[in-house]
Amino acid sequence: QVQLQESGPGLVKPSQTLSLTCTVSNGSITTNYYSWMWIRQPPGKGLEWIGVILNSGSSYVNPSLKSRTSISRDTPKKQFTLTLSSVTPEDTAVYYCARGPSRCPIMGMCGIDLWGQGTQVTVSS
């Protein structure tokens, strides 16, 4: 079955750039049926949608994070990557990659049917 696994640093210093990678096992990231997302949950808060990369390769991010966020993919490696620059302690969260149906609206967490286990990222000096 398809599985998602996040990887990246657990600790990042303020003002640095965070890069997280999601590896898709036993599936394709270019299938027409699915889009691939990044979501985070800060401590004590709800889930926040960060962005999505579509099967076409186009990506969209939460307007609140747009100025310092990008999402890209490496198709042969079946990976997609979140890059978040100029991090602050407010970016401390558990970061998840997830899969949702491509028929859903581009922005948001509609119809997510598969999640990675999540990775804790702490921003601290």
PDB file of N, CA and C in Angstrom:
ATOM      1  N   GLN A   1       0.841  -1.185   0.000  1.00  0.00           N
ATOM      2  CA  GLN A   1       0.000   0.000   0.000  1.00  0.00           C
ATOM      3  C   GLN A   1       0.879   1.239   0.000  1.00  0.00           C
ATOM      4  N   VAL A   2       0.299   2.345  -0.432  1.00  0.00           N
ATOM      5  CA  VAL A   2       1.041   3.593  -0.502  1.00  0.00           C
ATOM      6  C   VAL A   2       1.306   4.112   0.907  1.00  0.00           C
ATOM      7  N   GLN A   3       2.532   4.576   1.113  1.00  0.00           N
ATOM      8  CA  GLN A   3       2.903   5.153   2.398  1.00  0.00           C
ATOM      9  C   GLN A   3       3.641   6.462   2.185  1.00  0.00           C
ATOM     10  N   LEU A   4       3.531   7.358   3.147  1.00  0.00           N
ATOM     11  CA  LEU A   4       4.218   8.646   3.118  1.00  0.00           C
ATOM     12  C   LEU A   4       5.149   8.731   4.316  1.00  0.00           C
ATOM     13  N   GLN A   5       6.337   9.258   4.081  1.00  0.00           N
ATOM     14  CA  GLN A   5       7.303   9.400   5.170  1.00  0.00           C
ATOM     15  C   GLN A   5       7.998  10.744   5.067  1.00  0.00           C
ATOM     16  N   GLU A   6       7.857  11.539   6.127  1.00  0.00           N
ATOM     17  CA  GLU A   6       8.536  12.831   6.179  1.00  0.00           C
ATOM     18  C   GLU A   6       9.968  12.655   6.675  1.00  0.00           C
ATOM     19  N   SER A   7      10.849  13.527   6.210  1.00  0.00           N
ATOM     20  CA  SER A   7      12.219  13.534   6.708  1.00  0.00           C
ATOM     21  C   SER A   7      12.736  14.968   6.682  1.00  0.00           C
ATOM     22  N   GLY A   8      13.631  15.238   7.624  1.00  0.00           N
ATOM     23  CA  GLY A   8      14.204  16.566   7.705  1.00  0.00           C
ATOM     24  C   GLY A   8      14.734  16.833   9.092  1.00  0.00           C
ATOM     25  N   PRO A   9      15.275  18.030   9.305  1.00  0.00           N
ATOM     26  CA  PRO A   9      15.862  18.340  10.611  1.00  0.00           C
ATOM     27  C   PRO A   9      14.796  18.535  11.676  1.00  0.00           C
ATOM     28  N   GLY A  10      15.109  18.136  12.860  1.00  0.00           N
ATOM     29  CA  GLY A  10      14.194  18.321  13.973  1.00  0.00           C
ATOM     30  C   GLY A  10      14.359  19.665  14.660  1.00  0.00           C
ATOM     31  N   LEU A  11      15.513  20.271  14.449  1.00  0.00           N
ATOM     32  CA  LEU A  11      15.816  21.542  15.103  1.00  0.00           C
ATOM     33  C   LEU A  11      16.395  22.507  14.076  1.00  0.00           C
ATOM     34  N   VAL A  12      15.832  23.692  14.038  1.00  0.00           N
ATOM     35  CA  VAL A  12      16.279  24.727  13.110  1.00  0.00           C
ATOM     36  C   VAL A  12      16.424  26.030  13.892  1.00  0.00           C
ATOM     37  N   LYS A  13      17.442  26.794  13.559  1.00  0.00           N
ATOM     38  CA  LYS A  13      17.647  28.071  14.233  1.00  0.00           C
ATOM     39  C   LYS A  13      16.793  29.164  13.588  1.00  0.00           C
ATOM     40  N   PRO A  14      16.377  30.129  14.368  1.00  0.00           N
ATOM     41  CA  PRO A  14      15.620  31.246  13.789  1.00  0.00           C
ATOM     42  C   PRO A  14      16.377  31.897  12.639  1.00  0.00           C
ATOM     43  N   SER A  15      15.629  32.317  11.657  1.00  0.00           N
ATOM     44  CA  SER A  15      16.085  32.967  10.419  1.00  0.00           C
ATOM     45  C   SER A  15      16.622  31.980   9.382  1.00  0.00           C
ATOM     46  N   GLN A  16      16.818  30.721   9.754  1.00  0.00           N
ATOM     47  CA  GLN A  16      17.293  29.738   8.794  1.00  0.00           C
ATOM     48  C   GLN A  16      16.153  29.240   7.916  1.00  0.00           C
ATOM     49  N   THR A  17      16.520  28.405   6.957  1.00  0.00           N
ATOM     50  CA  THR A  17      15.550  27.813   6.053  1.00  0.00           C
ATOM     51  C   THR A  17      15.322  26.353   6.409  1.00  0.00           C
ATOM     52  N   LEU A  18      14.056  26.000   6.511  1.00  0.00           N
ATOM     53  CA  LEU A  18      13.652  24.628   6.801  1.00  0.00           C
ATOM     54  C   LEU A  18      13.302  23.915   5.503  1.00  0.00           C
ATOM     55  N   SER A  19      13.850  22.726   5.332  1.00  0.00           N
ATOM     56  CA  SER A  19      13.470  21.885   4.196  1.00  0.00           C
ATOM     57  C   SER A  19      13.023  20.531   4.705  1.00  0.00           C
ATOM     58  N   LEU A  20      11.846  20.134   4.331  1.00  0.00           N
ATOM     59  CA  LEU A  20      11.309  18.819   4.675  1.00  0.00           C
ATOM     60  C   LEU A  20      10.948  18.082   3.395  1.00  0.00           C
ATOM     61  N   THR A  21      11.218  16.799   3.394  1.00  0.00           N
ATOM     62  CA  THR A  21      10.930  15.971   2.228  1.00  0.00           C
ATOM     63  C   THR A  21       9.946  14.886   2.602  1.00  0.00           C
ATOM     64  N   CYS A  22       9.025  14.636   1.712  1.00  0.00           N
ATOM     65  CA  CYS A  22       8.079  13.537   1.874  1.00  0.00           C
ATOM     66  C   CYS A  22       8.354  12.512   0.775  1.00  0.00           C
ATOM     67  N   THR A  23       8.607  11.295   1.172  1.00  0.00           N
ATOM     68  CA  THR A  23       8.854  10.211   0.225  1.00  0.00           C
ATOM     69  C   THR A  23       7.613   9.343   0.118  1.00  0.00           C
ATOM     70  N   VAL A  24       7.192   9.115  -1.106  1.00  0.00           N
ATOM     71  CA  VAL A  24       6.014   8.298  -1.381  1.00  0.00           C
ATOM     72  C   VAL A  24       6.454   6.891  -1.761  1.00  0.00           C
ATOM     73  N   SER A  25       6.027   5.931  -0.983  1.00  0.00           N
ATOM     74  CA  SER A  25       6.372   4.530  -1.255  1.00  0.00           C
ATOM     75  C   SER A  25       5.194   3.819  -1.899  1.00  0.00           C
ATOM     76  N   ASN A  26       5.518   2.963  -2.866  1.00  0.00           N
ATOM     77  CA  ASN A  26       4.507   2.124  -3.512  1.00  0.00           C
ATOM     78  C   ASN A  26       3.416   2.912  -4.219  1.00  0.00           C
ATOM     79  N   GLY A  27       3.804   4.068  -4.773  1.00  0.00           N
ATOM     80  CA  GLY A  27       2.823   4.849  -5.507  1.00  0.00           C
ATOM     81  C   GLY A  27       3.495   5.913  -6.351  1.00  0.00           C
ATOM     82  N   SER A  28       2.724   6.566  -7.196  1.00  0.00           N
ATOM     83  CA  SER A  28       3.244   7.610  -8.071  1.00  0.00           C
ATOM     84  C   SER A  28       2.775   8.977  -7.600  1.00  0.00           C
ATOM     85  N   ILE A  29       3.639   9.995  -7.710  1.00  0.00           N
ATOM     86  CA  ILE A  29       3.215  11.340  -7.324  1.00  0.00           C
ATOM     87  C   ILE A  29       2.712  12.127  -8.536  1.00  0.00           C
ATOM     88  N   THR A  30       2.672  11.478  -9.686  1.00  0.00           N
ATOM     89  CA  THR A  30       2.169  12.158 -10.883  1.00  0.00           C
ATOM     90  C   THR A  30       0.815  11.606 -11.333  1.00  0.00           C
ATOM     91  N   THR A  31       0.247  10.714 -10.544  1.00  0.00           N
ATOM     92  CA  THR A  31      -1.069  10.197 -10.888  1.00  0.00           C
ATOM     93  C   THR A  31      -2.096  11.321 -10.944  1.00  0.00           C
ATOM     94  N   ASN A  32      -3.041  11.215 -11.857  1.00  0.00           N
ATOM     95  CA  ASN A  32      -4.065  12.245 -12.001  1.00  0.00           C
ATOM     96  C   ASN A  32      -5.039  12.282 -10.831  1.00  0.00           C
ATOM     97  N   TYR A  33      -5.062  11.249 -10.024  1.00  0.00           N
ATOM     98  CA  TYR A  33      -6.091  11.131  -9.006  1.00  0.00           C
ATOM     99  C   TYR A  33      -5.798  11.922  -7.732  1.00  0.00           C
ATOM    100  N   TYR A  34      -4.519  12.235  -7.494  1.00  0.00           N
ATOM    101  CA  TYR A  34      -4.165  12.782  -6.191  1.00  0.00           C
ATOM    102  C   TYR A  34      -3.334  14.050  -6.271  1.00  0.00           C
ATOM    103  N   SER A  35      -3.462  14.828  -5.199  1.00  0.00           N
ATOM    104  CA  SER A  35      -2.584  15.957  -4.948  1.00  0.00           C
ATOM    105  C   SER A  35      -1.854  15.696  -3.649  1.00  0.00           C
ATOM    106  N   TRP A  36      -0.758  16.414  -3.451  1.00  0.00           N
ATOM    107  CA  TRP A  36       0.133  16.124  -2.325  1.00  0.00           C
ATOM    108  C   TRP A  36       0.361  17.390  -1.520  1.00  0.00           C
ATOM    109  N   MET A  37       0.142  17.276  -0.218  1.00  0.00           N
ATOM    110  CA  MET A  37       0.071  18.459   0.621  1.00  0.00           C
ATOM    111  C   MET A  37       1.072  18.437   1.767  1.00  0.00           C
ATOM    112  N   TRP A  38       1.280  19.626   2.300  1.00  0.00           N
ATOM    113  CA  TRP A  38       1.963  19.803   3.576  1.00  0.00           C
ATOM    114  C   TRP A  38       1.007  20.491   4.539  1.00  0.00           C
ATOM    115  N   ILE A  39       0.978  19.983   5.754  1.00  0.00           N
ATOM    116  CA  ILE A  39       0.110  20.473   6.821  1.00  0.00           C
ATOM    117  C   ILE A  39       0.931  20.489   8.093  1.00  0.00           C
ATOM    118  N   ARG A  40       0.635  21.409   8.974  1.00  0.00           N
ATOM    119  CA  ARG A  40       1.361  21.440  10.241  1.00  0.00           C
ATOM    120  C   ARG A  40       0.404  21.682  11.404  1.00  0.00           C
ATOM    121  N   GLN A  41       0.877  21.312  12.575  1.00  0.00           N
ATOM    122  CA  GLN A  41       0.113  21.538  13.787  1.00  0.00           C
ATOM    123  C   GLN A  41       1.023  22.087  14.870  1.00  0.00           C
ATOM    124  N   PRO A  42       0.935  23.377  15.149  1.00  0.00           N
ATOM    125  CA  PRO A  42       1.722  23.947  16.240  1.00  0.00           C
ATOM    126  C   PRO A  42       1.243  23.403  17.578  1.00  0.00           C
ATOM    127  N   PRO A  43       2.069  23.455  18.581  1.00  0.00           N
ATOM    128  CA  PRO A  43       1.671  22.920  19.888  1.00  0.00           C
ATOM    129  C   PRO A  43       0.437  23.637  20.413  1.00  0.00           C
ATOM    130  N   GLY A  44      -0.547  22.862  20.819  1.00  0.00           N
ATOM    131  CA  GLY A  44      -1.750  23.421  21.407  1.00  0.00           C
ATOM    132  C   GLY A  44      -2.706  24.071  20.426  1.00  0.00           C
ATOM    133  N   LYS A  45      -2.443  23.916  19.128  1.00  0.00           N
ATOM    134  CA  LYS A  45      -3.288  24.557  18.111  1.00  0.00           C
ATOM    135  C   LYS A  45      -3.804  23.515  17.120  1.00  0.00           C
ATOM    136  N   GLY A  46      -4.651  23.975  16.228  1.00  0.00           N
ATOM    137  CA  GLY A  46      -5.218  23.081  15.231  1.00  0.00           C
ATOM    138  C   GLY A  46      -4.326  22.917  14.015  1.00  0.00           C
ATOM    139  N   LEU A  47      -4.795  22.113  13.090  1.00  0.00           N
ATOM    140  CA  LEU A  47      -4.061  21.869  11.860  1.00  0.00           C
ATOM    141  C   LEU A  47      -4.081  23.104  10.968  1.00  0.00           C
ATOM    142  N   GLU A  48      -2.973  23.346  10.323  1.00  0.00           N
ATOM    143  CA  GLU A  48      -2.848  24.462   9.383  1.00  0.00           C
ATOM    144  C   GLU A  48      -2.376  23.925   8.033  1.00  0.00           C
ATOM    145  N   TRP A  49      -3.137  24.197   7.014  1.00  0.00           N
ATOM    146  CA  TRP A  49      -2.758  23.802   5.657  1.00  0.00           C
ATOM    147  C   TRP A  49      -1.658  24.726   5.170  1.00  0.00           C
ATOM    148  N   ILE A  50      -0.550  24.129   4.700  1.00  0.00           N
ATOM    149  CA  ILE A  50       0.589  24.915   4.240  1.00  0.00           C
ATOM    150  C   ILE A  50       0.550  25.085   2.731  1.00  0.00           C
ATOM    151  N   GLY A  51       0.344  23.995   2.023  1.00  0.00           N
ATOM    152  CA  GLY A  51       0.341  24.089   0.571  1.00  0.00           C
ATOM    153  C   GLY A  51       0.184  22.744  -0.084  1.00  0.00           C
ATOM    154  N   VAL A  52       0.154  22.770  -1.409  1.00  0.00           N
ATOM    155  CA  VAL A  52      -0.110  21.563  -2.187  1.00  0.00           C
ATOM    156  C   VAL A  52       0.686  21.609  -3.486  1.00  0.00           C
ATOM    157  N   ILE A  53       1.051  20.427  -3.957  1.00  0.00           N
ATOM    158  CA  ILE A  53       1.598  20.304  -5.296  1.00  0.00           C
ATOM    159  C   ILE A  53       0.714  19.331  -6.058  1.00  0.00           C
ATOM    160  N   LEU A  54       0.283  19.757  -7.226  1.00  0.00           N
ATOM    161  CA  LEU A  54      -0.654  18.974  -8.008  1.00  0.00           C
ATOM    162  C   LEU A  54       0.068  17.955  -8.880  1.00  0.00           C
ATOM    163  N   ASN A  55      -0.690  17.072  -9.500  1.00  0.00           N
ATOM    164  CA  ASN A  55      -0.079  16.079 -10.383  1.00  0.00           C
ATOM    165  C   ASN A  55       0.613  16.757 -11.562  1.00  0.00           C
ATOM    166  N   SER A  56       0.162  17.949 -11.906  1.00  0.00           N
ATOM    167  CA  SER A  56       0.773  18.695 -13.009  1.00  0.00           C
ATOM    168  C   SER A  56       2.128  19.278 -12.643  1.00  0.00           C
ATOM    169  N   GLY A  57       2.410  19.354 -11.344  1.00  0.00           N
ATOM    170  CA  GLY A  57       3.641  19.983 -10.875  1.00  0.00           C
ATOM    171  C   GLY A  57       3.435  21.401 -10.386  1.00  0.00           C
ATOM    172  N   SER A  58       2.261  21.967 -10.635  1.00  0.00           N
ATOM    173  CA  SER A  58       1.961  23.295 -10.114  1.00  0.00           C
ATOM    174  C   SER A  58       1.778  23.231  -8.602  1.00  0.00           C
ATOM    175  N   SER A  59       2.160  24.284  -7.930  1.00  0.00           N
ATOM    176  CA  SER A  59       2.031  24.302  -6.475  1.00  0.00           C
ATOM    177  C   SER A  59       1.325  25.576  -6.022  1.00  0.00           C
ATOM    178  N   TYR A  60       0.657  25.446  -4.881  1.00  0.00           N
ATOM    179  CA  TYR A  60      -0.075  26.567  -4.279  1.00  0.00           C
ATOM    180  C   TYR A  60       0.180  26.532  -2.782  1.00  0.00           C
ATOM    181  N   VAL A  61       0.315  27.722  -2.201  1.00  0.00           N
ATOM    182  CA  VAL A  61       0.604  27.769  -0.772  1.00  0.00           C
ATOM    183  C   VAL A  61      -0.393  28.675  -0.074  1.00  0.00           C
ATOM    184  N   ASN A  62      -0.488  28.464   1.228  1.00  0.00           N
ATOM    185  CA  ASN A  62      -1.332  29.297   2.078  1.00  0.00           C
ATOM    186  C   ASN A  62      -0.883  30.751   1.931  1.00  0.00           C
ATOM    187  N   PRO A  63      -1.811  31.652   1.638  1.00  0.00           N
ATOM    188  CA  PRO A  63      -1.410  33.054   1.455  1.00  0.00           C
ATOM    189  C   PRO A  63      -0.648  33.627   2.640  1.00  0.00           C
ATOM    190  N   SER A  64      -0.938  33.137   3.832  1.00  0.00           N
ATOM    191  CA  SER A  64      -0.252  33.645   5.019  1.00  0.00           C
ATOM    192  C   SER A  64       1.214  33.244   5.056  1.00  0.00           C
ATOM    193  N   LEU A  65       1.590  32.261   4.273  1.00  0.00           N
ATOM    194  CA  LEU A  65       2.970  31.776   4.257  1.00  0.00           C
ATOM    195  C   LEU A  65       3.625  31.975   2.901  1.00  0.00           C
ATOM    196  N   LYS A  66       2.915  32.546   1.969  1.00  0.00           N
ATOM    197  CA  LYS A  66       3.342  32.547   0.574  1.00  0.00           C
ATOM    198  C   LYS A  66       4.704  33.178   0.353  1.00  0.00           C
ATOM    199  N   SER A  67       5.019  34.223   1.071  1.00  0.00           N
ATOM    200  CA  SER A  67       6.247  34.961   0.815  1.00  0.00           C
ATOM    201  C   SER A  67       7.500  34.171   1.148  1.00  0.00           C
ATOM    202  N   ARG A  68       7.366  33.100   1.946  1.00  0.00           N
ATOM    203  CA  ARG A  68       8.571  32.375   2.358  1.00  0.00           C
ATOM    204  C   ARG A  68       8.421  30.858   2.210  1.00  0.00           C
ATOM    205  N   THR A  69       7.473  30.421   1.401  1.00  0.00           N
ATOM    206  CA  THR A  69       7.201  28.985   1.268  1.00  0.00           C
ATOM    207  C   THR A  69       7.218  28.561  -0.187  1.00  0.00           C
ATOM    208  N   SER A  70       7.789  27.413  -0.437  1.00  0.00           N
ATOM    209  CA  SER A  70       7.686  26.811  -1.756  1.00  0.00           C
ATOM    210  C   SER A  70       7.577  25.298  -1.610  1.00  0.00           C
ATOM    211  N   ILE A  71       6.951  24.692  -2.599  1.00  0.00           N
ATOM    212  CA  ILE A  71       6.819  23.240  -2.647  1.00  0.00           C
ATOM    213  C   ILE A  71       7.267  22.768  -4.020  1.00  0.00           C
ATOM    214  N   SER A  72       8.108  21.761  -4.022  1.00  0.00           N
ATOM    215  CA  SER A  72       8.630  21.234  -5.276  1.00  0.00           C
ATOM    216  C   SER A  72       8.595  19.712  -5.216  1.00  0.00           C
ATOM    217  N   ARG A  73       8.962  19.089  -6.322  1.00  0.00           N
ATOM    218  CA  ARG A  73       8.963  17.634  -6.325  1.00  0.00           C
ATOM    219  C   ARG A  73      10.124  17.106  -7.151  1.00  0.00           C
ATOM    220  N   ASP A  74      10.491  15.868  -6.831  1.00  0.00           N
ATOM    221  CA  ASP A  74      11.483  15.113  -7.588  1.00  0.00           C
ATOM    222  C   ASP A  74      10.772  13.843  -8.030  1.00  0.00           C
ATOM    223  N   THR A  75      10.288  13.856  -9.250  1.00  0.00           N
ATOM    224  CA  THR A  75       9.444  12.752  -9.707  1.00  0.00           C
ATOM    225  C   THR A  75      10.155  11.407  -9.706  1.00  0.00           C
ATOM    226  N   PRO A  76      11.371  11.302 -10.235  1.00  0.00           N
ATOM    227  CA  PRO A  76      12.029   9.983 -10.218  1.00  0.00           C
ATOM    228  C   PRO A  76      12.210   9.432  -8.807  1.00  0.00           C
ATOM    229  N   LYS A  77      12.447  10.312  -7.854  1.00  0.00           N
ATOM    230  CA  LYS A  77      12.637   9.848  -6.476  1.00  0.00           C
ATOM    231  C   LYS A  77      11.313   9.697  -5.743  1.00  0.00           C
ATOM    232  N   LYS A  78      10.216  10.129  -6.370  1.00  0.00           N
ATOM    233  CA  LYS A  78       8.890  10.091  -5.746  1.00  0.00           C
ATOM    234  C   LYS A  78       8.901  10.839  -4.425  1.00  0.00           C
ATOM    235  N   GLN A  79       9.408  12.053  -4.497  1.00  0.00           N
ATOM    236  CA  GLN A  79       9.492  12.899  -3.307  1.00  0.00           C
ATOM    237  C   GLN A  79       8.925  14.280  -3.608  1.00  0.00           C
ATOM    238  N   PHE A  80       8.358  14.904  -2.596  1.00  0.00           N
ATOM    239  CA  PHE A  80       8.029  16.315  -2.706  1.00  0.00           C
ATOM    240  C   PHE A  80       8.543  17.018  -1.455  1.00  0.00           C
ATOM    241  N   THR A  81       8.951  18.270  -1.652  1.00  0.00           N
ATOM    242  CA  THR A  81       9.719  18.972  -0.635  1.00  0.00           C
ATOM    243  C   THR A  81       9.077  20.300  -0.282  1.00  0.00           C
ATOM    244  N   LEU A  82       9.049  20.569   0.997  1.00  0.00           N
ATOM    245  CA  LEU A  82       8.603  21.854   1.527  1.00  0.00           C
ATOM    246  C   LEU A  82       9.827  22.669   1.911  1.00  0.00           C
ATOM    247  N   THR A  83       9.881  23.902   1.453  1.00  0.00           N
ATOM    248  CA  THR A  83      10.938  24.817   1.854  1.00  0.00           C
ATOM    249  C   THR A  83      10.299  26.037   2.492  1.00  0.00           C
ATOM    250  N   LEU A  84      10.715  26.312   3.716  1.00  0.00           N
ATOM    251  CA  LEU A  84      10.164  27.439   4.484  1.00  0.00           C
ATOM    252  C   LEU A  84      11.338  28.284   4.961  1.00  0.00           C
ATOM    253  N   SER A  85      11.408  29.502   4.495  1.00  0.00           N
ATOM    254  CA  SER A  85      12.555  30.352   4.818  1.00  0.00           C
ATOM    255  C   SER A  85      12.241  31.272   5.993  1.00  0.00           C
ATOM    256  N   SER A  86      13.296  31.848   6.532  1.00  0.00           N
ATOM    257  CA  SER A  86      13.182  32.837   7.613  1.00  0.00           C
ATOM    258  C   SER A  86      12.289  32.345   8.746  1.00  0.00           C
ATOM    259  N   VAL A  87      12.576  31.152   9.213  1.00  0.00           N
ATOM    260  CA  VAL A  87      11.725  30.560  10.241  1.00  0.00           C
ATOM    261  C   VAL A  87      11.853  31.319  11.557  1.00  0.00           C
ATOM    262  N   THR A  88      10.786  31.268  12.321  1.00  0.00           N
ATOM    263  CA  THR A  88      10.738  31.845  13.660  1.00  0.00           C
ATOM    264  C   THR A  88      10.211  30.775  14.617  1.00  0.00           C
ATOM    265  N   PRO A  89      10.262  31.028  15.910  1.00  0.00           N
ATOM    266  CA  PRO A  89       9.706  30.041  16.851  1.00  0.00           C
ATOM    267  C   PRO A  89       8.231  29.723  16.582  1.00  0.00           C
ATOM    268  N   GLU A  90       7.519  30.630  15.941  1.00  0.00           N
ATOM    269  CA  GLU A  90       6.112  30.375  15.614  1.00  0.00           C
ATOM    270  C   GLU A  90       5.953  29.284  14.547  1.00  0.00           C
ATOM    271  N   ASP A  91       7.032  28.910  13.901  1.00  0.00           N
ATOM    272  CA  ASP A  91       6.989  27.807  12.926  1.00  0.00           C
ATOM    273  C   ASP A  91       7.203  26.454  13.586  1.00  0.00           C
ATOM    274  N   THR A  92       7.421  26.441  14.882  1.00  0.00           N
ATOM    275  CA  THR A  92       7.534  25.181  15.606  1.00  0.00           C
ATOM    276  C   THR A  92       6.219  24.420  15.518  1.00  0.00           C
ATOM    277  N   ALA A  93       6.308  23.176  15.069  1.00  0.00           N
ATOM    278  CA  ALA A  93       5.086  22.399  14.852  1.00  0.00           C
ATOM    279  C   ALA A  93       5.453  20.969  14.486  1.00  0.00           C
ATOM    280  N   VAL A  94       4.443  20.119  14.492  1.00  0.00           N
ATOM    281  CA  VAL A  94       4.568  18.820  13.839  1.00  0.00           C
ATOM    282  C   VAL A  94       4.135  19.023  12.385  1.00  0.00           C
ATOM    283  N   TYR A  95       4.998  18.633  11.480  1.00  0.00           N
ATOM    284  CA  TYR A  95       4.741  18.798  10.053  1.00  0.00           C
ATOM    285  C   TYR A  95       4.357  17.453   9.445  1.00  0.00           C
ATOM    286  N   TYR A  96       3.267  17.484   8.685  1.00  0.00           N
ATOM    287  CA  TYR A  96       2.762  16.274   8.046  1.00  0.00           C
ATOM    288  C   TYR A  96       2.738  16.443   6.529  1.00  0.00           C
ATOM    289  N   CYS A  97       3.041  15.386   5.814  1.00  0.00           N
ATOM    290  CA  CYS A  97       2.683  15.358   4.410  1.00  0.00           C
ATOM    291  C   CYS A  97       1.442  14.483   4.273  1.00  0.00           C
ATOM    292  N   ALA A  98       0.669  14.738   3.243  1.00  0.00           N
ATOM    293  CA  ALA A  98      -0.608  14.064   3.114  1.00  0.00           C
ATOM    294  C   ALA A  98      -1.015  13.986   1.647  1.00  0.00           C
ATOM    295  N   ARG A  99      -1.969  13.135   1.382  1.00  0.00           N
ATOM    296  CA  ARG A  99      -2.493  12.946   0.040  1.00  0.00           C
ATOM    297  C   ARG A  99      -3.992  13.212   0.039  1.00  0.00           C
ATOM    298  N   GLY A 100      -4.428  13.923  -0.977  1.00  0.00           N
ATOM    299  CA  GLY A 100      -5.855  14.178  -1.120  1.00  0.00           C
ATOM    300  C   GLY A 100      -6.295  14.028  -2.562  1.00  0.00           C
ATOM    301  N   PRO A 101      -7.568  13.875  -2.813  1.00  0.00           N
ATOM    302  CA  PRO A 101      -8.045  13.699  -4.182  1.00  0.00           C
ATOM    303  C   PRO A 101      -7.901  14.977  -4.994  1.00  0.00           C
ATOM    304  N   SER A 102      -7.486  14.828  -6.227  1.00  0.00           N
ATOM    305  CA  SER A 102      -7.276  15.993  -7.076  1.00  0.00           C
ATOM    306  C   SER A 102      -8.583  16.690  -7.425  1.00  0.00           C
ATOM    307  N   ARG A 103      -9.718  16.037  -7.219  1.00  0.00           N
ATOM    308  CA  ARG A 103     -11.005  16.657  -7.524  1.00  0.00           C
ATOM    309  C   ARG A 103     -11.394  17.721  -6.513  1.00  0.00           C
ATOM    310  N   CYS A 104     -10.750  17.723  -5.369  1.00  0.00           N
ATOM    311  CA  CYS A 104     -11.085  18.681  -4.315  1.00  0.00           C
ATOM    312  C   CYS A 104     -10.560  20.073  -4.661  1.00  0.00           C
ATOM    313  N   PRO A 105     -11.113  21.105  -4.011  1.00  0.00           N
ATOM    314  CA  PRO A 105     -10.545  22.447  -4.186  1.00  0.00           C
ATOM    315  C   PRO A 105      -9.052  22.445  -3.899  1.00  0.00           C
ATOM    316  N   ILE A 106      -8.341  23.290  -4.610  1.00  0.00           N
ATOM    317  CA  ILE A 106      -6.886  23.267  -4.511  1.00  0.00           C
ATOM    318  C   ILE A 106      -6.402  23.561  -3.103  1.00  0.00           C
ATOM    319  N   MET A 107      -7.011  24.539  -2.459  1.00  0.00           N
ATOM    320  CA  MET A 107      -6.552  24.951  -1.130  1.00  0.00           C
ATOM    321  C   MET A 107      -7.414  24.313  -0.058  1.00  0.00           C
ATOM    322  N   GLY A 108      -6.762  23.732   0.922  1.00  0.00           N
ATOM    323  CA  GLY A 108      -7.514  23.144   2.015  1.00  0.00           C
ATOM    324  C   GLY A 108      -7.238  21.665   2.148  1.00  0.00           C
ATOM    325  N   MET A 109      -7.894  21.080   3.140  1.00  0.00           N
ATOM    326  CA  MET A 109      -7.620  19.705   3.513  1.00  0.00           C
ATOM    327  C   MET A 109      -8.773  18.776   3.153  1.00  0.00           C
ATOM    328  N   CYS A 110      -9.404  19.067   2.028  1.00  0.00           N
ATOM    329  CA  CYS A 110     -10.535  18.271   1.573  1.00  0.00           C
ATOM    330  C   CYS A 110     -10.118  16.842   1.257  1.00  0.00           C
ATOM    331  N   GLY A 111     -10.836  15.879   1.814  1.00  0.00           N
ATOM    332  CA  GLY A 111     -10.744  14.496   1.391  1.00  0.00           C
ATOM    333  C   GLY A 111      -9.432  13.788   1.608  1.00  0.00           C
ATOM    334  N   ILE A 112      -8.611  14.254   2.535  1.00  0.00           N
ATOM    335  CA  ILE A 112      -7.318  13.599   2.766  1.00  0.00           C
ATOM    336  C   ILE A 112      -7.546  12.151   3.183  1.00  0.00           C
ATOM    337  N   ASP A 113      -6.866  11.249   2.474  1.00  0.00           N
ATOM    338  CA  ASP A 113      -7.051   9.835   2.791  1.00  0.00           C
ATOM    339  C   ASP A 113      -5.771   9.131   3.223  1.00  0.00           C
ATOM    340  N   LEU A 114      -4.671   9.882   3.230  1.00  0.00           N
ATOM    341  CA  LEU A 114      -3.405   9.276   3.617  1.00  0.00           C
ATOM    342  C   LEU A 114      -2.523  10.350   4.241  1.00  0.00           C
ATOM    343  N   TRP A 115      -1.920  10.010   5.383  1.00  0.00           N
ATOM    344  CA  TRP A 115      -1.048  10.922   6.118  1.00  0.00           C
ATOM    345  C   TRP A 115       0.296  10.259   6.365  1.00  0.00           C
ATOM    346  N   GLY A 116       1.339  11.074   6.397  1.00  0.00           N
ATOM    347  CA  GLY A 116       2.583  10.607   6.955  1.00  0.00           C
ATOM    348  C   GLY A 116       2.467  10.597   8.474  1.00  0.00           C
ATOM    349  N   GLN A 117       3.467  10.063   9.120  1.00  0.00           N
ATOM    350  CA  GLN A 117       3.409   9.960  10.579  1.00  0.00           C
ATOM    351  C   GLN A 117       3.668  11.297  11.262  1.00  0.00           C
ATOM    352  N   GLY A 118       4.212  12.244  10.525  1.00  0.00           N
ATOM    353  CA  GLY A 118       4.513  13.548  11.092  1.00  0.00           C
ATOM    354  C   GLY A 118       5.932  13.618  11.619  1.00  0.00           C
ATOM    355  N   THR A 119       6.492  14.820  11.546  1.00  0.00           N
ATOM    356  CA  THR A 119       7.833  15.036  12.065  1.00  0.00           C
ATOM    357  C   THR A 119       7.851  16.333  12.866  1.00  0.00           C
ATOM    358  N   GLN A 120       8.427  16.265  14.038  1.00  0.00           N
ATOM    359  CA  GLN A 120       8.494  17.442  14.908  1.00  0.00           C
ATOM    360  C   GLN A 120       9.620  18.353  14.435  1.00  0.00           C
ATOM    361  N   VAL A 121       9.282  19.629  14.268  1.00  0.00           N
ATOM    362  CA  VAL A 121      10.279  20.641  13.948  1.00  0.00           C
ATOM    363  C   VAL A 121      10.219  21.710  15.027  1.00  0.00           C
ATOM    364  N   THR A 122      11.349  21.971  15.617  1.00  0.00           N
ATOM    365  CA  THR A 122      11.451  23.005  16.641  1.00  0.00           C
ATOM    366  C   THR A 122      12.377  24.097  16.144  1.00  0.00           C
ATOM    367  N   VAL A 123      11.910  25.329  16.248  1.00  0.00           N
ATOM    368  CA  VAL A 123      12.731  26.479  15.864  1.00  0.00           C
ATOM    369  C   VAL A 123      13.215  27.151  17.148  1.00  0.00           C
ATOM    370  N   SER A 124      14.491  27.078  17.369  1.00  0.00           N
ATOM    371  CA  SER A 124      15.062  27.605  18.601  1.00  0.00           C
ATOM    372  C   SER A 124      16.547  27.851  18.409  1.00  0.00           C
ATOM    373  N   SER A 125      17.028  28.861  19.069  1.00  0.00           N
ATOM    374  CA  SER A 125      18.467  29.127  19.020  1.00  0.00           C
ATOM    375  C   SER A 125      19.199  28.328  20.090  1.00  0.00           C
TER     376      SER A 125
END
